[in-house]
Amino acid sequence: MQRTFWLLIALTMLAGSINAQVKGGEFQKLFDWYAMENYSKCAYKAESYTQKDKYRRAPEPYLYMALCMYQAHVNPDAFDEEFKDPIKDALKYAYKFRKKDKVGELYEANRPQLNKIREEALDRALFYYNDGDYRKSSSEFARILKVIPDDVNVMFITGVSYSLSRNITQGERLINQAIDSLTVFDAEQRFEKDKVTHEVLIKAFVGYTSYLNAYDQLDRALELIALSRKLIPDDPSLKLQYKKLYAKAPDE
């Protein structure tokens, strides 16, 4: 009896954290299997839904596939099958889910779960970036950006990765778009520190402004480093970069 009581409490708590809609009870089994941590069965059934014409446009099966692939990444022992790159698969299904979630209501309801996928994917992307492998980091960041296109920090870092890997056109497009948004955030005092991307955002500002300076674009470098200091005024590396660049600026 006591075991049943605690199981009910656990399921109630989980129900509050997984908010996939159930249309006429069609996807209740997916919820039940996920709630009972039977991720393998949940993934198998969710995938079968995506292959049926009746459910192909429904976002819920893709959401459960994304969540199950996340579990395959962090908890591989829960699956009989071994997946080659489950976090990549999680992003793939999360992207398909977002495309089919036309209104975005399901996405907003399940953002905390999808943010876990984002964090795991960012860990790998940040590793490549910090290691100086900008080609790989740009690919990893781009996958995340497809799922969360309004993630301005990731947008800027992705653009910098592209630029540093010599994909200038794509890099500048994303950087300019991100800077437009960050400028608005600064003006409206809406910029918030993101614990996952914060340090690499700083590194991206320093790296990209150094890159601009090396290619005789000092004015643009000064503009961006000034913005970075407005957004993150207390960071010593941004302060140092600001001083270095302004020391090279010609006197008025």
Protein backbone atom coordinates (compact mmCIF):
# COMPACT_ATOMS: atom_id res chain seq x y z
CA MET A 1 0.00 0.00 0.00
CA GLN A 2 2.81 2.39 0.91
CA ARG A 3 4.60 1.60 -2.36
CA THR A 4 1.44 2.43 -4.33
CA PHE A 5 1.08 5.71 -2.43
CA TRP A 6 4.60 6.85 -3.29
CA LEU A 7 4.17 5.75 -6.90
CA LEU A 8 1.06 7.91 -7.20
CA ILE A 9 2.95 10.88 -5.77
CA ALA A 10 5.80 10.34 -8.22
CA LEU A 11 3.43 10.14 -11.18
CA THR A 12 1.59 13.25 -10.01
CA MET A 13 4.85 15.20 -9.82
CA LEU A 14 5.90 13.94 -13.25
CA ALA A 15 2.55 14.89 -14.72
CA GLY A 16 3.28 18.45 -13.66
CA SER A 17 6.59 18.41 -15.52
CA ILE A 18 5.47 16.74 -18.76
CA ASN A 19 2.75 18.71 -20.45
CA ALA A 20 2.26 16.96 -23.76
CA GLN A 21 -1.36 17.29 -24.77
CA VAL A 22 -3.51 14.19 -25.12
CA LYS A 23 -5.94 14.40 -28.03
CA GLY A 24 -8.85 12.11 -27.33
CA GLY A 25 -6.59 9.81 -25.36
CA GLU A 26 -4.55 8.97 -28.48
CA PHE A 27 -1.19 9.54 -26.78
CA GLN A 28 -2.00 8.57 -23.19
CA LYS A 29 0.12 5.43 -23.49
CA LEU A 30 3.14 7.52 -24.43
CA PHE A 31 2.68 9.59 -21.30
CA ASP A 32 2.22 6.48 -19.16
CA TRP A 33 5.32 4.74 -20.48
CA TYR A 34 7.43 7.87 -20.15
CA ALA A 35 6.13 8.48 -16.63
CA MET A 36 6.96 4.88 -15.68
CA GLU A 37 10.47 5.37 -17.16
CA ASN A 38 9.82 2.77 -19.84
CA TYR A 39 11.62 4.97 -22.33
CA SER A 40 12.41 2.21 -24.80
CA LYS A 41 8.76 1.27 -25.26
CA CYS A 42 7.71 4.92 -25.32
CA ALA A 43 10.24 5.67 -28.07
CA TYR A 44 9.22 2.63 -30.12
CA LYS A 45 5.53 3.52 -29.96
CA ALA A 46 6.13 7.24 -30.57
CA GLU A 47 8.17 6.42 -33.67
CA SER A 48 5.39 4.16 -34.94
CA TYR A 49 2.94 7.06 -34.58
CA THR A 50 5.18 9.27 -36.73
CA GLN A 51 5.02 6.69 -39.53
CA LYS A 52 1.22 6.62 -39.70
CA ASP A 53 -0.63 9.08 -41.92
CA LYS A 54 -3.24 9.64 -39.22
CA TYR A 55 -0.70 11.00 -36.73
CA ARG A 56 2.06 12.32 -38.99
CA ARG A 57 1.07 15.94 -38.42
CA ALA A 58 0.66 15.57 -34.65
CA PRO A 59 3.50 17.17 -32.65
CA GLU A 60 3.21 14.96 -29.54
CA PRO A 61 4.95 11.81 -30.87
CA TYR A 62 7.94 13.91 -31.97
CA LEU A 63 8.07 15.53 -28.55
CA TYR A 64 8.16 12.13 -26.86
CA MET A 65 10.81 10.91 -29.31
CA ALA A 66 12.96 13.94 -28.44
CA LEU A 67 12.52 13.34 -24.71
CA CYS A 68 13.26 9.62 -25.05
CA MET A 69 16.41 10.28 -27.08
CA TYR A 70 17.52 12.67 -24.35
CA GLN A 71 17.03 9.82 -21.88
CA ALA A 72 19.04 7.53 -24.17
CA HIS A 73 21.86 10.07 -23.90
CA VAL A 74 21.82 10.52 -20.12
CA ASN A 75 20.53 7.05 -19.19
CA PRO A 76 21.59 4.57 -21.90
CA ASP A 77 21.04 1.55 -19.63
CA ALA A 78 17.29 2.19 -19.84
CA PHE A 79 17.38 1.02 -23.47
CA ASP A 80 18.06 -2.37 -24.99
CA GLU A 81 19.24 -0.69 -28.18
CA GLU A 82 22.43 1.38 -28.34
CA PHE A 83 22.08 4.66 -30.20
CA LYS A 84 25.01 6.15 -32.11
CA ASP A 85 24.28 9.79 -31.26
CA PRO A 86 21.10 10.15 -29.19
CA ILE A 87 21.52 13.85 -28.40
CA LYS A 88 21.74 14.57 -32.13
CA ASP A 89 18.58 12.48 -32.57
CA ALA A 90 16.91 14.39 -29.72
CA LEU A 91 17.59 17.67 -31.52
CA LYS A 92 16.30 16.23 -34.80
CA TYR A 93 12.99 15.19 -33.25
CA ALA A 94 12.75 18.40 -31.23
CA TYR A 95 13.07 20.36 -34.47
CA LYS A 96 10.32 18.29 -36.12
CA PHE A 97 8.17 18.76 -33.03
CA ARG A 98 8.54 22.52 -33.21
CA LYS A 99 7.66 22.59 -36.91
CA LYS A 100 4.43 20.70 -36.21
CA ASP A 101 3.59 22.65 -33.06
CA LYS A 102 2.24 25.52 -35.14
CA VAL A 103 0.92 27.69 -32.29
CA GLY A 104 3.84 26.98 -29.97
CA GLU A 105 1.65 26.18 -26.99
CA LEU A 106 3.12 22.71 -26.50
CA TYR A 107 6.64 24.09 -26.78
CA GLU A 108 6.04 26.67 -24.07
CA ALA A 109 4.43 24.04 -21.83
CA ASN A 110 7.41 21.71 -22.25
CA ARG A 111 10.23 24.25 -22.42
CA PRO A 112 11.91 23.00 -19.19
CA GLN A 113 12.27 19.48 -20.66
CA LEU A 114 13.49 20.78 -24.02
CA ASN A 115 15.97 23.05 -22.22
CA LYS A 116 17.60 19.90 -20.82
CA ILE A 117 18.22 18.75 -24.38
CA ARG A 118 19.60 22.21 -25.15
CA GLU A 119 22.01 22.06 -22.21
CA GLU A 120 23.36 18.62 -23.13
CA ALA A 121 23.80 19.63 -26.76
CA LEU A 122 25.48 22.88 -25.74
CA ASP A 123 28.02 21.00 -23.62
CA ARG A 124 29.35 19.30 -26.73
CA ALA A 125 29.20 22.43 -28.89
CA LEU A 126 31.02 24.44 -26.22
CA PHE A 127 33.70 21.76 -25.95
CA TYR A 128 34.47 22.07 -29.67
CA TYR A 129 34.40 25.87 -29.47
CA ASN A 130 36.77 26.00 -26.50
CA ASP A 131 39.02 23.50 -28.29
CA GLY A 132 39.24 25.83 -31.29
CA ASP A 133 37.40 23.44 -33.63
CA TYR A 134 35.08 26.08 -35.05
CA ARG A 135 33.85 23.95 -37.94
CA LYS A 136 32.48 21.30 -35.61
CA SER A 137 31.23 23.82 -33.07
CA SER A 138 29.32 25.74 -35.75
CA SER A 139 27.58 22.53 -36.84
CA GLU A 140 26.63 21.66 -33.27
CA PHE A 141 25.42 25.18 -32.46
CA ALA A 142 23.43 25.32 -35.71
CA ARG A 143 21.45 22.21 -34.72
CA ILE A 144 20.51 23.83 -31.42
CA LEU A 145 19.58 27.08 -33.13
CA LYS A 146 17.16 25.23 -35.44
CA VAL A 147 15.24 24.05 -32.37
CA ILE A 148 15.41 27.36 -30.48
CA PRO A 149 15.80 30.07 -33.15
CA ASP A 150 15.21 32.90 -30.67
CA ASP A 151 18.22 31.91 -28.52
CA VAL A 152 20.23 35.08 -29.14
CA ASN A 153 23.35 33.95 -27.28
CA VAL A 154 23.54 30.75 -29.31
CA MET A 155 22.82 32.74 -32.47
CA PHE A 156 25.80 35.04 -31.84
CA ILE A 157 28.16 32.23 -30.86
CA THR A 158 27.07 30.21 -33.90
CA GLY A 159 27.77 33.19 -36.13
CA VAL A 160 31.21 33.67 -34.60
CA SER A 161 31.95 29.96 -35.05
CA TYR A 162 31.01 30.19 -38.72
CA SER A 163 33.14 33.29 -39.21
CA LEU A 164 36.16 31.77 -37.49
CA SER A 165 35.78 28.66 -39.65
CA ARG A 166 35.84 30.94 -42.74
CA ASN A 167 32.11 30.65 -43.52
CA ILE A 168 31.91 34.43 -43.58
CA THR A 169 28.54 34.94 -45.26
CA GLN A 170 26.61 32.67 -42.90
CA GLY A 171 28.56 33.95 -39.92
CA GLU A 172 27.92 37.63 -40.56
CA ARG A 173 24.23 37.02 -41.21
CA LEU A 174 23.76 35.39 -37.80
CA ILE A 175 26.03 37.85 -35.99
CA ASN A 176 24.19 40.87 -37.40
CA GLN A 177 20.84 39.35 -36.48
CA ALA A 178 22.03 38.57 -32.95
CA ILE A 179 23.57 42.02 -32.47
CA ASP A 180 20.30 43.68 -33.52
CA SER A 181 18.49 41.71 -30.81
CA LEU A 182 21.18 42.27 -28.18
CA THR A 183 21.11 46.01 -28.88
CA VAL A 184 17.37 46.03 -28.22
CA PHE A 185 17.88 43.96 -25.05
CA ASP A 186 20.44 46.50 -23.86
CA ALA A 187 18.18 49.48 -24.62
CA GLU A 188 15.24 47.85 -22.85
CA GLN A 189 17.42 46.38 -20.06
CA ARG A 190 16.19 42.88 -20.88
CA PHE A 191 19.50 41.06 -21.21
CA GLU A 192 19.75 38.14 -18.79
CA LYS A 193 22.75 35.99 -17.99
CA ASP A 194 22.43 32.42 -19.24
CA LYS A 195 24.52 30.11 -17.08
CA VAL A 196 25.24 27.63 -19.88
CA THR A 197 26.40 30.05 -22.57
CA HIS A 198 27.64 33.02 -20.52
CA GLU A 199 31.37 32.26 -20.46
CA VAL A 200 31.51 31.34 -24.13
CA LEU A 201 29.46 34.40 -25.08
CA ILE A 202 32.20 36.49 -23.46
CA LYS A 203 34.88 34.47 -25.24
CA ALA A 204 33.01 34.92 -28.54
CA PHE A 205 32.93 38.70 -28.12
CA VAL A 206 36.66 38.78 -27.40
CA GLY A 207 37.54 36.35 -30.18
CA TYR A 208 35.37 37.97 -32.81
CA THR A 209 36.47 41.53 -32.07
CA SER A 210 40.10 40.37 -32.27
CA TYR A 211 39.26 38.75 -35.61
CA LEU A 212 37.69 41.98 -36.87
CA ASN A 213 40.69 44.00 -35.77
CA ALA A 214 43.06 41.61 -37.53
CA TYR A 215 41.13 42.14 -40.76
CA ASP A 216 41.16 45.95 -40.53
CA GLN A 217 37.63 46.32 -39.21
CA LEU A 218 38.52 48.20 -36.03
CA ASP A 219 35.41 50.40 -36.07
CA ARG A 220 33.13 47.37 -36.08
CA ALA A 221 35.24 45.72 -33.38
CA LEU A 222 34.94 48.84 -31.19
CA GLU A 223 31.18 48.92 -31.72
CA LEU A 224 30.75 45.29 -30.64
CA ILE A 225 33.10 45.39 -27.67
CA ALA A 226 31.32 48.52 -26.42
CA LEU A 227 27.99 46.70 -26.64
CA SER A 228 29.42 43.68 -24.83
CA ARG A 229 30.52 45.89 -21.93
CA LYS A 230 27.04 47.37 -21.66
CA LEU A 231 25.56 43.88 -21.51
CA ILE A 232 28.21 42.43 -19.17
CA PRO A 233 29.89 45.42 -17.48
CA ASP A 234 31.82 43.59 -14.77
CA ASP A 235 33.72 41.01 -16.80
CA PRO A 236 37.51 41.60 -16.66
CA SER A 237 38.29 39.99 -20.02
CA LEU A 238 35.81 42.24 -21.84
CA LYS A 239 37.22 45.24 -19.99
CA LEU A 240 40.76 44.30 -21.05
CA GLN A 241 39.71 43.75 -24.67
CA TYR A 242 37.93 47.10 -24.64
CA LYS A 243 41.14 48.84 -23.49
CA LYS A 244 43.28 47.01 -26.07
CA LEU A 245 41.04 47.95 -28.97
CA TYR A 246 40.54 51.55 -27.92
CA ALA A 247 44.30 51.94 -27.53
CA LYS A 248 44.55 51.24 -31.27
CA ALA A 249 41.83 53.71 -32.21
CA PRO A 250 43.11 56.87 -33.93
CA ASP A 251 42.77 60.12 -32.03
CA GLU A 252 39.83 62.30 -33.07
